[in-house]
PDB file of N, CA and C in Angstrom:
ATOM      1  N   MET A   1      73.030 168.348 147.757  1.00  0.00           N
ATOM      2  CA  MET A   1      73.666 167.183 148.323  1.00  0.00           C
ATOM      3  C   MET A   1      74.469 166.460 147.251  1.00  0.00           C
ATOM      4  N   ALA A   2      75.516 165.839 147.683  1.00  0.00           N
ATOM      5  CA  ALA A   2      76.350 165.074 146.760  1.00  0.00           C
ATOM      6  C   ALA A   2      75.737 163.708 146.509  1.00  0.00           C
ATOM      7  N   ALA A   3      75.906 163.220 145.306  1.00  0.00           N
ATOM      8  CA  ALA A   3      75.378 161.904 144.943  1.00  0.00           C
ATOM      9  C   ALA A   3      76.234 160.808 145.566  1.00  0.00           C
ATOM     10  N   LYS A   4      75.605 159.680 145.874  1.00  0.00           N
ATOM     11  CA  LYS A   4      76.345 158.553 146.421  1.00  0.00           C
ATOM     12  C   LYS A   4      77.209 157.923 145.338  1.00  0.00           C
ATOM     13  N   LYS A   5      78.367 157.495 145.736  1.00  0.00           N
ATOM     14  CA  LYS A   5      79.259 156.827 144.801  1.00  0.00           C
ATOM     15  C   LYS A   5      78.915 155.340 144.769  1.00  0.00           C
ATOM     16  N   LYS A   6      78.789 154.767 143.589  1.00  0.00           N
ATOM     17  CA  LYS A   6      78.515 153.341 143.449  1.00  0.00           C
ATOM     18  C   LYS A   6      79.797 152.565 143.720  1.00  0.00           C
ATOM     19  N   SER A   7      79.767 151.761 144.740  1.00  0.00           N
ATOM     20  CA  SER A   7      80.966 150.994 145.067  1.00  0.00           C
ATOM     21  C   SER A   7      80.908 149.621 144.409  1.00  0.00           C
ATOM     22  N   GLY A   8      81.952 149.274 143.699  1.00  0.00           N
ATOM     23  CA  GLY A   8      82.030 147.964 143.079  1.00  0.00           C
ATOM     24  C   GLY A   8      81.350 147.846 141.728  1.00  0.00           C
ATOM     25  N   VAL A   9      80.618 148.865 141.294  1.00  0.00           N
ATOM     26  CA  VAL A   9      79.922 148.814 140.006  1.00  0.00           C
ATOM     27  C   VAL A   9      80.789 149.495 138.959  1.00  0.00           C
ATOM     28  N   ILE A  10      81.082 148.771 137.879  1.00  0.00           N
ATOM     29  CA  ILE A  10      81.917 149.319 136.808  1.00  0.00           C
ATOM     30  C   ILE A  10      81.180 149.210 135.482  1.00  0.00           C
ATOM     31  N   LYS A  11      81.566 150.029 134.522  1.00  0.00           N
ATOM     32  CA  LYS A  11      81.008 149.980 133.178  1.00  0.00           C
ATOM     33  C   LYS A  11      81.891 149.090 132.311  1.00  0.00           C
ATOM     34  N   VAL A  12      81.253 148.208 131.530  1.00  0.00           N
ATOM     35  CA  VAL A  12      81.989 147.313 130.638  1.00  0.00           C
ATOM     36  C   VAL A  12      81.370 147.363 129.242  1.00  0.00           C
ATOM     37  N   ALA A  13      82.165 146.983 128.260  1.00  0.00           N
ATOM     38  CA  ALA A  13      81.703 146.898 126.879  1.00  0.00           C
ATOM     39  C   ALA A  13      81.492 145.430 126.533  1.00  0.00           C
ATOM     40  N   MET A  14      80.438 145.153 125.763  1.00  0.00           N
ATOM     41  CA  MET A  14      80.157 143.795 125.315  1.00  0.00           C
ATOM     42  C   MET A  14      80.709 143.654 123.895  1.00  0.00           C
ATOM     43  N   VAL A  15      81.566 142.653 123.689  1.00  0.00           N
ATOM     44  CA  VAL A  15      82.269 142.465 122.421  1.00  0.00           C
ATOM     45  C   VAL A  15      81.828 141.153 121.785  1.00  0.00           C
ATOM     46  N   CYS A  16      81.560 141.190 120.483  1.00  0.00           N
ATOM     47  CA  CYS A  16      81.166 139.998 119.734  1.00  0.00           C
ATOM     48  C   CYS A  16      82.335 139.019 119.671  1.00  0.00           C
ATOM     49  N   SER A  17      82.053 137.738 119.890  1.00  0.00           N
ATOM     50  CA  SER A  17      83.117 136.735 119.889  1.00  0.00           C
ATOM     51  C   SER A  17      83.597 136.395 118.479  1.00  0.00           C
ATOM     52  N   GLU A  18      82.791 136.674 117.454  1.00  0.00           N
ATOM     53  CA  GLU A  18      83.187 136.343 116.084  1.00  0.00           C
ATOM     54  C   GLU A  18      83.907 137.485 115.368  1.00  0.00           C
ATOM     55  N   CYS A  19      83.297 138.686 115.365  1.00  0.00           N
ATOM     56  CA  CYS A  19      83.896 139.791 114.595  1.00  0.00           C
ATOM     57  C   CYS A  19      84.623 140.810 115.474  1.00  0.00           C
ATOM     58  N   LYS A  20      84.566 140.636 116.800  1.00  0.00           N
ATOM     59  CA  LYS A  20      85.267 141.498 117.768  1.00  0.00           C
ATOM     60  C   LYS A  20      84.782 142.951 117.740  1.00  0.00           C
ATOM     61  N   ALA A  21      83.540 143.178 117.333  1.00  0.00           N
ATOM     62  CA  ALA A  21      82.971 144.522 117.314  1.00  0.00           C
ATOM     63  C   ALA A  21      82.333 144.820 118.670  1.00  0.00           C
ATOM     64  N   THR A  22      82.484 146.051 119.137  1.00  0.00           N
ATOM     65  CA  THR A  22      81.865 146.485 120.389  1.00  0.00           C
ATOM     66  C   THR A  22      80.469 146.973 120.069  1.00  0.00           C
ATOM     67  N   ASN A  23      79.450 146.266 120.604  1.00  0.00           N
ATOM     68  CA  ASN A  23      78.067 146.567 120.254  1.00  0.00           C
ATOM     69  C   ASN A  23      77.240 147.085 121.414  1.00  0.00           C
ATOM     70  N   TYR A  24      77.508 146.647 122.628  1.00  0.00           N
ATOM     71  CA  TYR A  24      76.680 146.987 123.775  1.00  0.00           C
ATOM     72  C   TYR A  24      77.543 147.464 124.935  1.00  0.00           C
ATOM     73  N   PHE A  25      76.940 148.264 125.822  1.00  0.00           N
ATOM     74  CA  PHE A  25      77.587 148.740 127.032  1.00  0.00           C
ATOM     75  C   PHE A  25      76.666 148.462 128.200  1.00  0.00           C
ATOM     76  N   THR A  26      77.233 148.051 129.330  1.00  0.00           N
ATOM     77  CA  THR A  26      76.436 147.737 130.507  1.00  0.00           C
ATOM     78  C   THR A  26      77.259 147.983 131.765  1.00  0.00           C
ATOM     79  N   SER A  27      76.601 147.921 132.908  1.00  0.00           N
ATOM     80  CA  SER A  27      77.263 148.051 134.198  1.00  0.00           C
ATOM     81  C   SER A  27      77.147 146.731 134.943  1.00  0.00           C
ATOM     82  N   ILE A  28      78.234 146.311 135.589  1.00  0.00           N
ATOM     83  CA  ILE A  28      78.204 145.079 136.368  1.00  0.00           C
ATOM     84  C   ILE A  28      78.831 145.335 137.730  1.00  0.00           C
ATOM     85  N   ASN A  29      78.468 144.501 138.689  1.00  0.00           N
ATOM     86  CA  ASN A  29      79.084 144.518 140.005  1.00  0.00           C
ATOM     87  C   ASN A  29      80.290 143.590 139.945  1.00  0.00           C
ATOM     88  N   LYS A  30      81.476 144.133 140.066  1.00  0.00           N
ATOM     89  CA  LYS A  30      82.707 143.365 139.891  1.00  0.00           C
ATOM     90  C   LYS A  30      82.845 142.258 140.931  1.00  0.00           C
ATOM     91  N   ALA A  31      82.336 142.465 142.152  1.00  0.00           N
ATOM     92  CA  ALA A  31      82.458 141.449 143.204  1.00  0.00           C
ATOM     93  C   ALA A  31      81.596 140.229 142.916  1.00  0.00           C
ATOM     94  N   VAL A  32      80.436 140.419 142.283  1.00  0.00           N
ATOM     95  CA  VAL A  32      79.499 139.323 142.038  1.00  0.00           C
ATOM     96  C   VAL A  32      79.710 138.692 140.663  1.00  0.00           C
ATOM     97  N   THR A  33      79.957 139.510 139.643  1.00  0.00           N
ATOM     98  CA  THR A  33      80.060 139.045 138.263  1.00  0.00           C
ATOM     99  C   THR A  33      81.433 139.391 137.692  1.00  0.00           C
ATOM    100  N   PRO A  34      82.422 138.498 137.797  1.00  0.00           N
ATOM    101  CA  PRO A  34      83.742 138.828 137.262  1.00  0.00           C
ATOM    102  C   PRO A  34      83.793 138.838 135.735  1.00  0.00           C
ATOM    103  N   LYS A  35      83.055 137.922 135.063  1.00  0.00           N
ATOM    104  CA  LYS A  35      83.055 137.848 133.596  1.00  0.00           C
ATOM    105  C   LYS A  35      81.635 137.592 133.139  1.00  0.00           C
ATOM    106  N   LEU A  36      81.172 138.349 132.168  1.00  0.00           N
ATOM    107  CA  LEU A  36      79.801 138.251 131.698  1.00  0.00           C
ATOM    108  C   LEU A  36      79.795 137.779 130.248  1.00  0.00           C
ATOM    109  N   ALA A  37      78.935 136.816 129.926  1.00  0.00           N
ATOM    110  CA  ALA A  37      78.779 136.321 128.561  1.00  0.00           C
ATOM    111  C   ALA A  37      77.293 136.132 128.285  1.00  0.00           C
ATOM    112  N   GLN A  38      76.809 136.717 127.176  1.00  0.00           N
ATOM    113  CA  GLN A  38      75.404 136.641 126.820  1.00  0.00           C
ATOM    114  C   GLN A  38      75.254 136.464 125.317  1.00  0.00           C
ATOM    115  N   GLN A  39      74.124 135.859 124.916  1.00  0.00           N
ATOM    116  CA  GLN A  39      73.778 135.771 123.501  1.00  0.00           C
ATOM    117  C   GLN A  39      73.060 137.059 123.115  1.00  0.00           C
ATOM    118  N   LYS A  40      73.652 137.830 122.212  1.00  0.00           N
ATOM    119  CA  LYS A  40      73.060 139.083 121.776  1.00  0.00           C
ATOM    120  C   LYS A  40      73.165 139.196 120.258  1.00  0.00           C
ATOM    121  N   TYR A  41      72.377 140.109 119.684  1.00  0.00           N
ATOM    122  CA  TYR A  41      72.382 140.316 118.244  1.00  0.00           C
ATOM    123  C   TYR A  41      73.547 141.218 117.855  1.00  0.00           C
ATOM    124  N   CYS A  42      74.326 140.793 116.879  1.00  0.00           N
ATOM    125  CA  CYS A  42      75.427 141.597 116.352  1.00  0.00           C
ATOM    126  C   CYS A  42      74.989 142.182 115.016  1.00  0.00           C
ATOM    127  N   LYS A  43      74.975 143.506 114.924  1.00  0.00           N
ATOM    128  CA  LYS A  43      74.534 144.138 113.682  1.00  0.00           C
ATOM    129  C   LYS A  43      75.569 144.015 112.562  1.00  0.00           C
ATOM    130  N   HIS A  44      76.807 143.707 112.912  1.00  0.00           N
ATOM    131  CA  HIS A  44      77.833 143.533 111.888  1.00  0.00           C
ATOM    132  C   HIS A  44      77.779 142.128 111.281  1.00  0.00           C
ATOM    133  N   CYS A  45      77.562 141.113 112.122  1.00  0.00           N
ATOM    134  CA  CYS A  45      77.438 139.727 111.654  1.00  0.00           C
ATOM    135  C   CYS A  45      76.027 139.420 111.167  1.00  0.00           C
ATOM    136  N   ARG A  46      75.057 140.221 111.601  1.00  0.00           N
ATOM    137  CA  ARG A  46      73.636 140.039 111.288  1.00  0.00           C
ATOM    138  C   ARG A  46      73.083 138.715 111.802  1.00  0.00           C
ATOM    139  N   LYS A  47      73.527 138.318 113.007  1.00  0.00           N
ATOM    140  CA  LYS A  47      72.992 137.127 113.649  1.00  0.00           C
ATOM    141  C   LYS A  47      73.275 137.197 115.151  1.00  0.00           C
ATOM    142  N   HIS A  48      72.668 136.290 115.896  1.00  0.00           N
ATOM    143  CA  HIS A  48      72.891 136.225 117.330  1.00  0.00           C
ATOM    144  C   HIS A  48      74.197 135.487 117.596  1.00  0.00           C
ATOM    145  N   THR A  49      75.095 136.126 118.338  1.00  0.00           N
ATOM    146  CA  THR A  49      76.367 135.528 118.703  1.00  0.00           C
ATOM    147  C   THR A  49      76.616 135.768 120.182  1.00  0.00           C
ATOM    148  N   GLU A  50      77.613 135.089 120.714  1.00  0.00           N
ATOM    149  CA  GLU A  50      77.965 135.295 122.116  1.00  0.00           C
ATOM    150  C   GLU A  50      78.778 136.570 122.262  1.00  0.00           C
ATOM    151  N   HIS A  51      78.376 137.407 123.197  1.00  0.00           N
ATOM    152  CA  HIS A  51      79.081 138.643 123.505  1.00  0.00           C
ATOM    153  C   HIS A  51      79.645 138.510 124.913  1.00  0.00           C
ATOM    154  N   THR A  52      80.918 138.863 125.091  1.00  0.00           N
ATOM    155  CA  THR A  52      81.556 138.780 126.387  1.00  0.00           C
ATOM    156  C   THR A  52      81.975 140.168 126.848  1.00  0.00           C
ATOM    157  N   SER A  53      82.079 140.336 128.157  1.00  0.00           N
ATOM    158  CA  SER A  53      82.490 141.634 128.699  1.00  0.00           C
ATOM    159  C   SER A  53      83.973 141.846 128.428  1.00  0.00           C
ATOM    160  N   LYS A  54      84.308 143.064 128.022  1.00  0.00           N
ATOM    161  CA  LYS A  54      85.657 143.363 127.589  1.00  0.00           C
ATOM    162  C   LYS A  54      86.511 143.875 128.749  1.00  0.00           C
ATOM    163  N   GLU A  55      86.286 145.078 129.195  1.00  0.00           N
ATOM    164  CA  GLU A  55      87.096 145.704 130.218  1.00  0.00           C
ATOM    165  C   GLU A  55      86.318 146.891 130.763  1.00  0.00           C
ATOM    166  N   LYS A  56      86.795 147.439 131.834  1.00  0.00           N
ATOM    167  CA  LYS A  56      86.086 148.584 132.384  1.00  0.00           C
ATOM    168  C   LYS A  56      86.335 149.827 131.534  1.00  0.00           C
ATOM    169  N   LEU A  57      85.351 150.671 131.452  1.00  0.00           N
ATOM    170  CA  LEU A  57      85.446 151.907 130.701  1.00  0.00           C
ATOM    171  C   LEU A  57      85.630 153.067 131.656  1.00  0.00           C
ATOM    172  N   LYS A  58      86.111 154.164 131.171  1.00  0.00           N
ATOM    173  CA  LYS A  58      86.331 155.327 132.033  1.00  0.00           C
ATOM    174  C   LYS A  58      85.115 156.205 132.100  1.00  0.00           C
TER     175      LYS A  58
END
């Protein structure tokens, strides 16, 4: 059987607001969550900073 296609769910990259490094990847529902921002640990800055969703990935 064929797998169901996820409708409206896209993959996004989480980017550090200070050093602009891509550290995390996640999936979001585009209809419910247009922009995502979370406090996460950045291994390049070595501290907790705000990470925002960048763009959809292929």
